[in-house]
Amino acid sequence: MPHTETPGTEAAPATRLRWWTELPLILLVYACYSAGRLVVRGDVSDAVDHGLAILRIEKALYLNAEHPLNRLFTREPWLGIPADFWYASLHYLVTPAILIWLFRSHAVRYRAARTWLMTSTFIGLIGFTLLPTCPPRLLDASHGFVDTMAHYSSYGWWGGEASAPRGLGGMTNQYAAMPSLHVGWALWCGVILWRYGRTRLTKTAAVVYPLVTTIVVMGTANHYFLDAAAGAAVMGAGLLLAPVVTRYADRVKARFLSRTTAVPADSSAAGSPNVSAGCQTSAGERFPRQRHPEPRYGTGTEPGASPSDAGEGAPATAR
């Protein structure tokens, strides 16, 4: 029966996971995610319309956390510069670090957590494809947002275009704002730290990291509040779908292994030589020079009984 896992299960995995198989898998998924963001850029006018629609929805819901946070980060460099470093780096450092920690210290829970993260990432990629969204920092200045990444670009390695290194801003999809996977991945990190961390420090980090990340993405004008909410919703959907993905992956793996093991078995059976080479012997026929052991006890005979007595069924004479 295929082995399945859900987040939080205690059963040991059917096969032990190896880092040399996990690392290429994670790199492949991230490469597909990055390539998808790069290829699927969407129309700029549609992206701007979607961004303005989000602002109108937030205004109708009396949600306006982006403007005051963005003004604060722009006015106070001691807040804005660390926030830009937080946005440009921790997204790519903390998540792999927690994956490695989970793999080394909580191997039983690793596969379910990794599947949850990857499933949510692919759902987010679908969101980028269907709903390209202009982030607040790229809207017209009349909407009151300042791009803090460009404002403080002289302090970091990023350029004025995006959080990518200088000269590589054109290689990123700057309209992949809905949902915010900065928030989604930070939420995943927080859940893993809270569930499997055993110290007060890890419990504190589990709360602080996703909360600060949510504030940072809005204060730097990279995401709307609804982007952050959508990032959390994507992680919830990934959590629900992760067991289904695990079962399907186990079925595919079992089918593949059954085919690969069946082929060598058939070939060995077909290629095995026939020892007799077509020669058959009738019952009782002896091969030349074949030795047969002498009978020790026949049916109804004893040591010392004559063959004729044994053949007639007469009892042997007592001695």
Foldseek 3Di string as FASTA:
>chain_A
DFDFDAAPDDDAHPDQDDPVVVVVVVVVLVVVLQVLQQPQQDDPVQQAVLQVVVVVVCVVVVHDLQQVLQVVLLVDVVNVVVLLVCVLPCLPPLLVVVLVVCCVPPVRNNVNLVLLVSQLSVVLSVCCNVRQHAFQCPDPCVVPGHQSCCVCVVVDQPHNQDSDGPPCSSSGRLRSPAADLLLLSLQSLLVSLCVPPDDPVSPVSSPPRSVSSLSSCSNNRSYDNVNNVRSNVSSVVSSVCSRVVRVVVSVVVVVVVVVVVVVVVVVCVVPDDDPCNPDDDDPPDDDPPDDDDDDDDDVLDDPPADPVCVVVSHHRDDD
